[in-house]
N, C-alpha and C. Protein backbone atom coordinates (compact mmCIF):
# COMPACT_ATOMS: atom_id res chain seq x y z
N MET A 1 33.65 105.20 -14.12
CA MET A 1 32.76 105.65 -13.07
C MET A 1 31.39 105.95 -13.69
N SER A 2 30.35 105.48 -13.07
CA SER A 2 29.01 105.73 -13.59
C SER A 2 28.39 106.96 -12.94
N THR A 3 27.54 107.61 -13.70
CA THR A 3 26.82 108.79 -13.25
C THR A 3 25.33 108.51 -13.40
N THR A 4 24.56 108.84 -12.37
CA THR A 4 23.12 108.66 -12.41
C THR A 4 22.43 110.00 -12.61
N TRP A 5 21.50 110.01 -13.54
CA TRP A 5 20.66 111.16 -13.81
C TRP A 5 19.22 110.75 -13.50
N GLN A 6 18.52 111.58 -12.74
CA GLN A 6 17.14 111.31 -12.33
C GLN A 6 16.19 112.08 -13.24
N ILE A 7 15.10 111.44 -13.65
CA ILE A 7 14.08 112.16 -14.41
C ILE A 7 13.43 113.19 -13.50
N ASP A 8 13.31 114.42 -13.99
CA ASP A 8 12.61 115.48 -13.27
C ASP A 8 11.16 115.47 -13.76
N PRO A 9 10.24 114.88 -12.98
CA PRO A 9 8.86 114.73 -13.46
C PRO A 9 8.15 116.05 -13.71
N SER A 10 8.55 117.12 -13.02
CA SER A 10 7.87 118.39 -13.22
C SER A 10 8.32 119.09 -14.51
N HIS A 11 9.37 118.58 -15.13
CA HIS A 11 9.86 119.16 -16.39
C HIS A 11 9.96 118.09 -17.48
N THR A 12 9.18 117.04 -17.34
CA THR A 12 9.15 115.95 -18.32
C THR A 12 7.72 115.77 -18.80
N ASP A 13 7.58 115.55 -20.10
CA ASP A 13 6.25 115.33 -20.66
C ASP A 13 6.28 114.05 -21.48
N ALA A 14 5.43 113.09 -21.12
CA ALA A 14 5.29 111.85 -21.87
C ALA A 14 3.91 111.85 -22.48
N GLY A 15 3.85 111.88 -23.80
CA GLY A 15 2.57 111.99 -24.46
C GLY A 15 2.39 111.00 -25.59
N PHE A 16 1.18 110.99 -26.15
CA PHE A 16 0.87 110.12 -27.26
C PHE A 16 -0.13 110.81 -28.18
N ALA A 17 -0.17 110.33 -29.41
CA ALA A 17 -1.13 110.82 -30.39
C ALA A 17 -1.64 109.63 -31.18
N VAL A 18 -2.98 109.60 -31.41
CA VAL A 18 -3.61 108.49 -32.12
C VAL A 18 -4.76 109.05 -32.94
N LYS A 19 -5.02 108.43 -34.09
CA LYS A 19 -6.11 108.88 -34.95
C LYS A 19 -7.47 108.55 -34.34
N HIS A 20 -8.40 109.48 -34.48
CA HIS A 20 -9.79 109.33 -34.04
C HIS A 20 -10.68 109.46 -35.27
N LEU A 21 -11.56 108.49 -35.48
CA LEU A 21 -12.46 108.46 -36.63
C LEU A 21 -11.70 108.46 -37.96
N MET A 22 -10.43 108.13 -37.90
CA MET A 22 -9.54 108.05 -39.06
C MET A 22 -9.26 109.42 -39.71
N ILE A 23 -9.72 110.52 -39.08
CA ILE A 23 -9.56 111.83 -39.72
C ILE A 23 -8.89 112.87 -38.82
N ALA A 24 -8.93 112.67 -37.52
CA ALA A 24 -8.38 113.67 -36.59
C ALA A 24 -7.42 112.98 -35.64
N THR A 25 -6.63 113.76 -34.94
CA THR A 25 -5.66 113.22 -34.00
C THR A 25 -6.04 113.62 -32.58
N VAL A 26 -6.09 112.63 -31.70
CA VAL A 26 -6.31 112.88 -30.28
C VAL A 26 -4.95 112.75 -29.58
N ARG A 27 -4.65 113.72 -28.72
CA ARG A 27 -3.39 113.70 -27.98
C ARG A 27 -3.69 113.54 -26.49
N GLY A 28 -2.78 112.87 -25.84
CA GLY A 28 -2.88 112.71 -24.40
C GLY A 28 -1.50 112.69 -23.79
N ARG A 29 -1.47 112.68 -22.47
CA ARG A 29 -0.19 112.68 -21.77
C ARG A 29 -0.34 111.93 -20.46
N PHE A 30 0.80 111.62 -19.89
CA PHE A 30 0.87 110.98 -18.57
C PHE A 30 1.67 111.90 -17.67
N SER A 31 1.14 112.21 -16.49
CA SER A 31 1.84 113.12 -15.58
C SER A 31 2.73 112.38 -14.58
N ASP A 32 2.55 111.09 -14.42
CA ASP A 32 3.32 110.31 -13.43
C ASP A 32 4.46 109.58 -14.14
N VAL A 33 5.60 110.28 -14.29
CA VAL A 33 6.76 109.73 -14.99
C VAL A 33 7.95 109.74 -14.03
N LYS A 34 8.57 108.57 -13.87
CA LYS A 34 9.73 108.43 -12.97
C LYS A 34 10.79 107.61 -13.66
N GLY A 35 12.03 107.78 -13.22
CA GLY A 35 13.07 106.91 -13.76
C GLY A 35 14.45 107.48 -13.64
N THR A 36 15.40 106.68 -14.10
CA THR A 36 16.81 107.06 -14.05
C THR A 36 17.50 106.72 -15.36
N VAL A 37 18.59 107.43 -15.58
CA VAL A 37 19.50 107.14 -16.68
C VAL A 37 20.88 107.03 -16.05
N VAL A 38 21.53 105.89 -16.25
CA VAL A 38 22.88 105.69 -15.72
C VAL A 38 23.82 105.65 -16.91
N VAL A 39 24.88 106.48 -16.85
CA VAL A 39 25.86 106.57 -17.94
C VAL A 39 27.26 106.39 -17.39
N THR A 40 28.18 106.03 -18.27
CA THR A 40 29.59 105.97 -17.90
C THR A 40 30.14 107.38 -18.06
N GLY A 41 30.67 107.94 -16.97
CA GLY A 41 31.12 109.33 -16.99
C GLY A 41 29.94 110.22 -17.30
N ASP A 42 30.05 111.01 -18.36
CA ASP A 42 28.93 111.83 -18.83
C ASP A 42 28.55 111.47 -20.26
N ASP A 43 28.88 110.25 -20.70
CA ASP A 43 28.65 109.79 -22.06
C ASP A 43 27.27 109.14 -22.19
N PHE A 44 26.30 109.89 -22.73
CA PHE A 44 24.94 109.36 -22.87
C PHE A 44 24.85 108.25 -23.92
N GLY A 45 25.91 108.05 -24.70
CA GLY A 45 25.96 106.93 -25.63
C GLY A 45 26.07 105.60 -24.90
N THR A 46 26.33 105.64 -23.60
CA THR A 46 26.43 104.42 -22.79
C THR A 46 25.21 104.25 -21.88
N ALA A 47 24.17 105.02 -22.13
CA ALA A 47 23.02 105.12 -21.21
C ALA A 47 22.30 103.80 -20.98
N GLN A 48 21.92 103.61 -19.73
CA GLN A 48 20.97 102.55 -19.33
C GLN A 48 19.77 103.30 -18.76
N LEU A 49 18.66 103.23 -19.46
CA LEU A 49 17.47 104.00 -19.12
C LEU A 49 16.39 103.09 -18.57
N ASP A 50 15.82 103.49 -17.43
CA ASP A 50 14.70 102.77 -16.82
C ASP A 50 13.62 103.80 -16.48
N VAL A 51 12.45 103.65 -17.11
CA VAL A 51 11.35 104.60 -16.94
C VAL A 51 10.09 103.85 -16.51
N THR A 52 9.35 104.45 -15.58
CA THR A 52 8.07 103.92 -15.13
C THR A 52 7.03 105.03 -15.26
N ILE A 53 5.90 104.70 -15.87
CA ILE A 53 4.82 105.68 -16.05
C ILE A 53 3.55 105.12 -15.42
N GLY A 54 2.94 105.90 -14.54
CA GLY A 54 1.68 105.51 -13.92
C GLY A 54 0.54 105.64 -14.92
N THR A 55 -0.11 104.53 -15.25
CA THR A 55 -1.15 104.55 -16.27
C THR A 55 -2.39 105.34 -15.85
N ALA A 56 -2.66 105.41 -14.55
CA ALA A 56 -3.84 106.16 -14.08
C ALA A 56 -3.67 107.66 -14.29
N SER A 57 -2.44 108.12 -14.60
CA SER A 57 -2.21 109.55 -14.77
C SER A 57 -2.53 110.02 -16.20
N VAL A 58 -3.14 109.15 -17.02
CA VAL A 58 -3.48 109.53 -18.40
C VAL A 58 -4.42 110.73 -18.39
N ASP A 59 -4.17 111.68 -19.31
CA ASP A 59 -4.98 112.89 -19.39
C ASP A 59 -5.10 113.31 -20.86
N THR A 60 -6.33 113.26 -21.38
CA THR A 60 -6.59 113.71 -22.75
C THR A 60 -7.45 114.97 -22.78
N ARG A 61 -7.66 115.58 -21.62
CA ARG A 61 -8.50 116.77 -21.46
C ARG A 61 -9.98 116.47 -21.67
N GLU A 62 -10.36 115.19 -21.58
CA GLU A 62 -11.76 114.78 -21.68
C GLU A 62 -12.00 113.70 -20.63
N PRO A 63 -12.61 114.06 -19.49
CA PRO A 63 -12.75 113.12 -18.36
C PRO A 63 -13.40 111.78 -18.71
N LYS A 64 -14.42 111.77 -19.56
CA LYS A 64 -15.07 110.50 -19.92
C LYS A 64 -14.12 109.61 -20.72
N ARG A 65 -13.38 110.22 -21.63
CA ARG A 65 -12.40 109.44 -22.41
C ARG A 65 -11.31 108.92 -21.50
N ASP A 66 -10.84 109.76 -20.58
CA ASP A 66 -9.78 109.33 -19.65
C ASP A 66 -10.25 108.15 -18.80
N GLN A 67 -11.50 108.21 -18.35
CA GLN A 67 -12.07 107.11 -17.57
C GLN A 67 -12.10 105.83 -18.41
N HIS A 68 -12.47 105.95 -19.68
CA HIS A 68 -12.49 104.79 -20.56
C HIS A 68 -11.07 104.26 -20.77
N LEU A 69 -10.10 105.15 -20.94
CA LEU A 69 -8.71 104.71 -21.12
C LEU A 69 -8.18 103.98 -19.88
N ARG A 70 -8.67 104.33 -18.70
CA ARG A 70 -8.23 103.67 -17.46
C ARG A 70 -8.91 102.30 -17.28
N SER A 71 -9.98 102.05 -18.02
CA SER A 71 -10.77 100.82 -17.86
C SER A 71 -10.06 99.61 -18.47
N ALA A 72 -10.66 98.45 -18.29
CA ALA A 72 -10.12 97.20 -18.84
C ALA A 72 -10.10 97.21 -20.37
N ASP A 73 -10.87 98.10 -21.01
CA ASP A 73 -10.84 98.20 -22.47
C ASP A 73 -9.48 98.68 -22.98
N PHE A 74 -8.76 99.46 -22.16
CA PHE A 74 -7.49 100.02 -22.59
C PHE A 74 -6.38 99.68 -21.58
N PHE A 75 -6.00 100.63 -20.73
CA PHE A 75 -4.84 100.42 -19.86
C PHE A 75 -5.11 99.50 -18.67
N ASP A 76 -6.36 99.32 -18.29
CA ASP A 76 -6.72 98.45 -17.16
C ASP A 76 -5.83 98.81 -15.95
N THR A 77 -5.96 100.05 -15.53
CA THR A 77 -5.05 100.60 -14.51
C THR A 77 -5.10 99.88 -13.17
N GLU A 78 -6.21 99.23 -12.86
CA GLU A 78 -6.25 98.48 -11.59
C GLU A 78 -5.33 97.27 -11.63
N ARG A 79 -5.31 96.58 -12.75
CA ARG A 79 -4.45 95.39 -12.89
C ARG A 79 -3.03 95.75 -13.32
N PHE A 80 -2.90 96.84 -14.08
CA PHE A 80 -1.60 97.23 -14.64
C PHE A 80 -1.35 98.71 -14.34
N PRO A 81 -0.98 99.02 -13.10
CA PRO A 81 -0.85 100.42 -12.69
C PRO A 81 0.33 101.17 -13.33
N VAL A 82 1.27 100.45 -13.93
CA VAL A 82 2.41 101.11 -14.56
C VAL A 82 2.71 100.50 -15.92
N MET A 83 3.34 101.30 -16.76
CA MET A 83 3.99 100.80 -17.97
C MET A 83 5.46 101.16 -17.81
N THR A 84 6.34 100.38 -18.43
CA THR A 84 7.77 100.59 -18.24
C THR A 84 8.51 100.56 -19.56
N PHE A 85 9.67 101.20 -19.56
CA PHE A 85 10.61 101.11 -20.67
C PHE A 85 11.99 100.92 -20.08
N THR A 86 12.70 99.90 -20.57
CA THR A 86 14.08 99.63 -20.17
C THR A 86 14.92 99.55 -21.43
N SER A 87 15.95 100.37 -21.51
CA SER A 87 16.80 100.37 -22.70
C SER A 87 17.67 99.12 -22.74
N ARG A 88 17.98 98.70 -23.95
CA ARG A 88 18.87 97.55 -24.17
C ARG A 88 20.11 97.93 -24.97
N LYS A 89 19.95 98.92 -25.88
CA LYS A 89 21.07 99.33 -26.73
C LYS A 89 20.90 100.79 -27.12
N VAL A 90 22.00 101.53 -27.03
CA VAL A 90 22.00 102.94 -27.42
C VAL A 90 23.06 103.11 -28.50
N ALA A 91 22.68 103.77 -29.60
CA ALA A 91 23.62 104.04 -30.68
C ALA A 91 23.54 105.52 -31.04
N ARG A 92 24.69 106.14 -31.26
CA ARG A 92 24.72 107.54 -31.69
C ARG A 92 24.20 107.65 -33.13
N VAL A 93 23.36 108.66 -33.33
CA VAL A 93 22.81 108.93 -34.66
C VAL A 93 22.71 110.45 -34.80
N GLY A 94 23.53 111.05 -35.64
CA GLY A 94 23.47 112.50 -35.84
C GLY A 94 23.60 113.27 -34.53
N ARG A 95 22.61 114.14 -34.25
CA ARG A 95 22.57 114.95 -33.02
C ARG A 95 22.10 114.18 -31.82
N GLY A 96 21.77 112.94 -32.00
CA GLY A 96 21.18 112.22 -30.89
C GLY A 96 21.51 110.75 -30.88
N TYR A 97 20.50 109.96 -30.62
CA TYR A 97 20.69 108.53 -30.40
C TYR A 97 19.50 107.74 -30.92
N SER A 98 19.75 106.48 -31.15
CA SER A 98 18.70 105.49 -31.36
C SER A 98 18.72 104.63 -30.11
N VAL A 99 17.60 104.59 -29.40
CA VAL A 99 17.54 103.84 -28.14
C VAL A 99 16.56 102.69 -28.30
N ALA A 100 17.10 101.48 -28.32
CA ALA A 100 16.28 100.27 -28.43
C ALA A 100 16.08 99.70 -27.04
N GLY A 101 14.87 99.24 -26.79
CA GLY A 101 14.60 98.67 -25.48
C GLY A 101 13.28 97.94 -25.44
N ASP A 102 12.88 97.60 -24.23
CA ASP A 102 11.66 96.84 -24.00
C ASP A 102 10.60 97.74 -23.38
N LEU A 103 9.46 97.87 -24.08
CA LEU A 103 8.32 98.62 -23.59
C LEU A 103 7.28 97.62 -23.11
N THR A 104 6.80 97.82 -21.87
CA THR A 104 5.78 96.93 -21.31
C THR A 104 4.52 97.75 -21.02
N ILE A 105 3.42 97.32 -21.64
CA ILE A 105 2.10 97.92 -21.42
C ILE A 105 1.12 96.76 -21.20
N ARG A 106 0.31 96.85 -20.15
CA ARG A 106 -0.68 95.80 -19.84
C ARG A 106 -0.02 94.43 -19.67
N GLY A 107 1.21 94.41 -19.17
CA GLY A 107 1.91 93.16 -18.94
C GLY A 107 2.50 92.53 -20.19
N VAL A 108 2.39 93.22 -21.33
CA VAL A 108 2.94 92.72 -22.60
C VAL A 108 4.20 93.52 -22.91
N THR A 109 5.30 92.80 -23.15
CA THR A 109 6.58 93.45 -23.43
C THR A 109 6.95 93.24 -24.89
N ARG A 110 7.30 94.33 -25.56
CA ARG A 110 7.70 94.29 -26.97
C ARG A 110 8.91 95.21 -27.16
N PRO A 111 9.76 94.88 -28.13
CA PRO A 111 10.88 95.78 -28.43
C PRO A 111 10.38 97.04 -29.13
N VAL A 112 10.96 98.17 -28.76
CA VAL A 112 10.62 99.46 -29.36
C VAL A 112 11.92 100.24 -29.53
N VAL A 113 12.00 101.02 -30.60
CA VAL A 113 13.17 101.87 -30.84
C VAL A 113 12.70 103.32 -30.82
N PHE A 114 13.33 104.12 -29.96
CA PHE A 114 13.05 105.55 -29.89
C PHE A 114 14.14 106.31 -30.63
N ASP A 115 13.73 107.31 -31.43
CA ASP A 115 14.66 108.27 -32.02
C ASP A 115 14.78 109.40 -31.02
N VAL A 116 16.01 109.68 -30.58
CA VAL A 116 16.24 110.64 -29.49
C VAL A 116 17.12 111.78 -29.97
N ILE A 117 16.67 113.00 -29.70
CA ILE A 117 17.46 114.20 -29.98
C ILE A 117 18.05 114.70 -28.67
N ASP A 118 19.34 114.94 -28.67
CA ASP A 118 20.02 115.51 -27.51
C ASP A 118 19.80 117.02 -27.55
N GLU A 119 19.05 117.54 -26.58
CA GLU A 119 18.71 118.97 -26.54
C GLU A 119 19.75 119.81 -25.81
N GLY A 120 20.73 119.16 -25.15
CA GLY A 120 21.82 119.91 -24.54
C GLY A 120 21.86 119.81 -23.02
N ARG A 121 22.77 120.57 -22.44
CA ARG A 121 23.00 120.59 -20.99
C ARG A 121 22.92 122.02 -20.48
N ALA A 122 22.58 122.16 -19.19
CA ALA A 122 22.54 123.49 -18.58
C ALA A 122 22.70 123.36 -17.07
N ARG A 123 23.18 124.43 -16.47
CA ARG A 123 23.22 124.52 -15.00
C ARG A 123 21.92 125.16 -14.55
N ASP A 124 21.31 124.61 -13.51
CA ASP A 124 20.10 125.23 -12.99
C ASP A 124 20.50 126.31 -11.97
N PRO A 125 19.54 127.13 -11.50
CA PRO A 125 19.86 128.22 -10.58
C PRO A 125 20.43 127.77 -9.23
N TRP A 126 20.33 126.49 -8.93
CA TRP A 126 20.80 125.97 -7.65
C TRP A 126 22.15 125.26 -7.77
N GLY A 127 22.78 125.37 -8.94
CA GLY A 127 24.11 124.79 -9.15
C GLY A 127 24.09 123.36 -9.66
N GLY A 128 22.91 122.81 -9.89
CA GLY A 128 22.81 121.45 -10.41
C GLY A 128 22.99 121.40 -11.91
N GLN A 129 23.25 120.21 -12.40
CA GLN A 129 23.38 120.01 -13.84
C GLN A 129 22.14 119.32 -14.38
N ARG A 130 21.69 119.79 -15.54
CA ARG A 130 20.50 119.26 -16.19
C ARG A 130 20.85 118.85 -17.62
N ALA A 131 20.09 117.89 -18.14
CA ALA A 131 20.24 117.45 -19.52
C ALA A 131 18.84 117.29 -20.10
N GLY A 132 18.69 117.63 -21.38
CA GLY A 132 17.39 117.53 -22.02
C GLY A 132 17.44 116.64 -23.26
N PHE A 133 16.38 115.89 -23.46
CA PHE A 133 16.26 114.99 -24.61
C PHE A 133 14.82 114.98 -25.09
N SER A 134 14.62 114.79 -26.40
CA SER A 134 13.30 114.60 -26.98
C SER A 134 13.33 113.25 -27.69
N ALA A 135 12.31 112.43 -27.44
CA ALA A 135 12.28 111.08 -28.01
C ALA A 135 10.93 110.80 -28.64
N THR A 136 10.95 110.07 -29.76
CA THR A 136 9.72 109.66 -30.42
C THR A 136 9.81 108.21 -30.88
N ALA A 137 8.67 107.56 -30.91
CA ALA A 137 8.55 106.21 -31.45
C ALA A 137 7.11 106.02 -31.89
N ILE A 138 6.89 105.07 -32.79
CA ILE A 138 5.54 104.70 -33.20
C ILE A 138 5.36 103.23 -32.88
N ILE A 139 4.25 102.93 -32.19
CA ILE A 139 3.93 101.54 -31.87
C ILE A 139 2.54 101.21 -32.42
N ASN A 140 2.27 99.93 -32.57
CA ASN A 140 0.93 99.46 -32.87
C ASN A 140 0.31 99.06 -31.54
N ARG A 141 -0.74 99.74 -31.14
CA ARG A 141 -1.33 99.51 -29.82
C ARG A 141 -1.82 98.08 -29.65
N GLN A 142 -2.23 97.43 -30.73
CA GLN A 142 -2.72 96.05 -30.63
C GLN A 142 -1.62 95.08 -30.21
N ASP A 143 -0.37 95.42 -30.53
CA ASP A 143 0.76 94.57 -30.11
C ASP A 143 0.86 94.48 -28.58
N PHE A 144 0.24 95.42 -27.88
CA PHE A 144 0.31 95.48 -26.41
C PHE A 144 -1.03 95.13 -25.76
N GLY A 145 -1.93 94.53 -26.51
CA GLY A 145 -3.21 94.12 -25.96
C GLY A 145 -4.22 95.24 -25.85
N LEU A 146 -3.94 96.37 -26.47
CA LEU A 146 -4.88 97.50 -26.49
C LEU A 146 -5.74 97.36 -27.75
N THR A 147 -6.70 96.43 -27.71
CA THR A 147 -7.41 96.04 -28.91
C THR A 147 -8.82 96.61 -29.04
N TRP A 148 -9.34 97.28 -27.99
CA TRP A 148 -10.71 97.80 -28.07
C TRP A 148 -10.86 98.73 -29.26
N ASN A 149 -11.98 98.61 -29.95
CA ASN A 149 -12.28 99.52 -31.04
C ASN A 149 -13.76 99.43 -31.36
N SER A 150 -14.20 100.28 -32.24
CA SER A 150 -15.58 100.28 -32.70
C SER A 150 -15.57 100.55 -34.20
N VAL A 151 -16.23 99.67 -34.96
CA VAL A 151 -16.31 99.84 -36.41
C VAL A 151 -17.33 100.93 -36.70
N LEU A 152 -16.97 101.82 -37.63
CA LEU A 152 -17.84 102.93 -37.99
C LEU A 152 -18.84 102.50 -39.07
N GLU A 153 -20.01 103.08 -39.02
CA GLU A 153 -21.07 102.76 -39.98
C GLU A 153 -20.61 102.98 -41.42
N ALA A 154 -19.84 104.02 -41.64
CA ALA A 154 -19.37 104.36 -42.99
C ALA A 154 -18.09 103.62 -43.35
N GLY A 155 -17.64 102.71 -42.50
CA GLY A 155 -16.37 102.01 -42.71
C GLY A 155 -15.28 102.63 -41.87
N GLY A 156 -14.24 101.88 -41.64
CA GLY A 156 -13.15 102.36 -40.81
C GLY A 156 -13.43 102.07 -39.34
N VAL A 157 -12.58 102.63 -38.49
CA VAL A 157 -12.68 102.38 -37.05
C VAL A 157 -12.60 103.68 -36.27
N LEU A 158 -13.03 103.62 -35.01
CA LEU A 158 -13.05 104.78 -34.14
C LEU A 158 -11.64 105.20 -33.72
N VAL A 159 -10.78 104.21 -33.36
CA VAL A 159 -9.44 104.50 -32.86
C VAL A 159 -8.40 103.85 -33.76
N GLY A 160 -7.42 104.64 -34.21
CA GLY A 160 -6.35 104.09 -35.04
C GLY A 160 -5.45 103.14 -34.27
N ASP A 161 -4.73 102.30 -35.00
CA ASP A 161 -3.83 101.34 -34.36
C ASP A 161 -2.45 101.94 -34.06
N ASP A 162 -1.95 102.80 -34.95
CA ASP A 162 -0.63 103.39 -34.75
C ASP A 162 -0.71 104.51 -33.72
N VAL A 163 0.19 104.45 -32.74
CA VAL A 163 0.26 105.45 -31.69
C VAL A 163 1.65 106.06 -31.70
N LYS A 164 1.71 107.37 -31.84
CA LYS A 164 2.99 108.07 -31.79
C LYS A 164 3.26 108.44 -30.33
N ILE A 165 4.39 108.00 -29.82
CA ILE A 165 4.81 108.33 -28.46
C ILE A 165 5.84 109.44 -28.54
N SER A 166 5.68 110.47 -27.73
CA SER A 166 6.61 111.60 -27.68
C SER A 166 6.98 111.86 -26.23
N VAL A 167 8.27 111.97 -25.97
CA VAL A 167 8.73 112.24 -24.61
C VAL A 167 9.73 113.39 -24.65
N ASP A 168 9.44 114.42 -23.87
CA ASP A 168 10.39 115.51 -23.65
C ASP A 168 10.90 115.31 -22.23
N LEU A 169 12.17 114.99 -22.13
CA LEU A 169 12.75 114.51 -20.89
C LEU A 169 13.77 115.49 -20.35
N GLU A 170 13.64 115.85 -19.07
CA GLU A 170 14.67 116.64 -18.41
C GLU A 170 15.23 115.80 -17.27
N LEU A 171 16.54 115.71 -17.26
CA LEU A 171 17.25 114.90 -16.26
C LEU A 171 18.05 115.80 -15.33
N VAL A 172 18.19 115.36 -14.08
CA VAL A 172 18.99 116.06 -13.08
C VAL A 172 20.12 115.14 -12.67
N LYS A 173 21.34 115.63 -12.80
CA LYS A 173 22.50 114.83 -12.42
C LYS A 173 22.54 114.68 -10.91
N GLN A 174 22.68 113.45 -10.45
CA GLN A 174 22.72 113.15 -9.03
C GLN A 174 24.14 113.30 -8.51
N ALA A 175 24.28 113.68 -7.27
CA ALA A 175 25.59 113.83 -6.65
C ALA A 175 26.26 112.47 -6.59
N SER A 176 27.55 112.45 -6.84
CA SER A 176 28.31 111.19 -6.78
C SER A 176 28.42 110.76 -5.33
N ALA A 177 28.27 109.48 -5.12
CA ALA A 177 28.42 108.92 -3.77
C ALA A 177 29.91 108.77 -3.48
N THR A 178 30.30 109.19 -2.32
CA THR A 178 31.71 109.05 -1.93
C THR A 178 31.86 107.77 -1.11
N ILE A 179 32.81 106.95 -1.54
CA ILE A 179 33.05 105.68 -0.86
C ILE A 179 34.20 105.87 0.13
N ALA A 180 33.92 105.58 1.39
CA ALA A 180 34.94 105.70 2.44
C ALA A 180 35.95 104.57 2.31
N ALA A 181 37.21 104.89 2.48
CA ALA A 181 38.27 103.87 2.38
C ALA A 181 38.46 103.17 3.70
C-alpha cells in the first residue's frame, strides 16, 4: 500500500548559496515550493519525490538582484516559471538517504544527487503526522544554462559557478483513500 506525503510549503525552505566576487557567499531562497512524496507503507527508502518550485519566488533580500535573477540572464521566469525535481533512485545512507533524480532548470534537465538527512517524525497538534528531512546538493549553474557572468577587472568573475542547494522539507501525511467494494 502506498502512502502520500504532501510538502508543507509554510514549513519548507528551499535555498541556495553561490560565491559573489569569489570572496563572499550570497544566499537566496524560493518561497513557492510544492510537491509530494509517495512511499510504500511508511518506508521512505522507497520514496518517489516530485517537487515544483516557482522561479519567480526567488528572494535574496535585494530587490534589484532578485529582478535580475528573474530576467532572461538567469531564471527567465516568464519562459520558465518553474523548476522541478523528480527522484529516480533512493538509497539508504547512515541516518538518511542518497536521492538521485532529474533536476530541470530553464528547460534543461540534468541528473543530481541529494544527500538527505532524516530529521524524524512527529504528530502535529491536530492529530496529523509530519516528517522532516534536510537535503543538500551542489550543481554547476552553467550545466542548466545559467551562464550570465561578468569578468572582474582584477581577474575572476562576479558569480561563482558552483551552487549549493539546501532544502529543509516538512511533509504532511495524507489520509488514505478508502476504496468502496
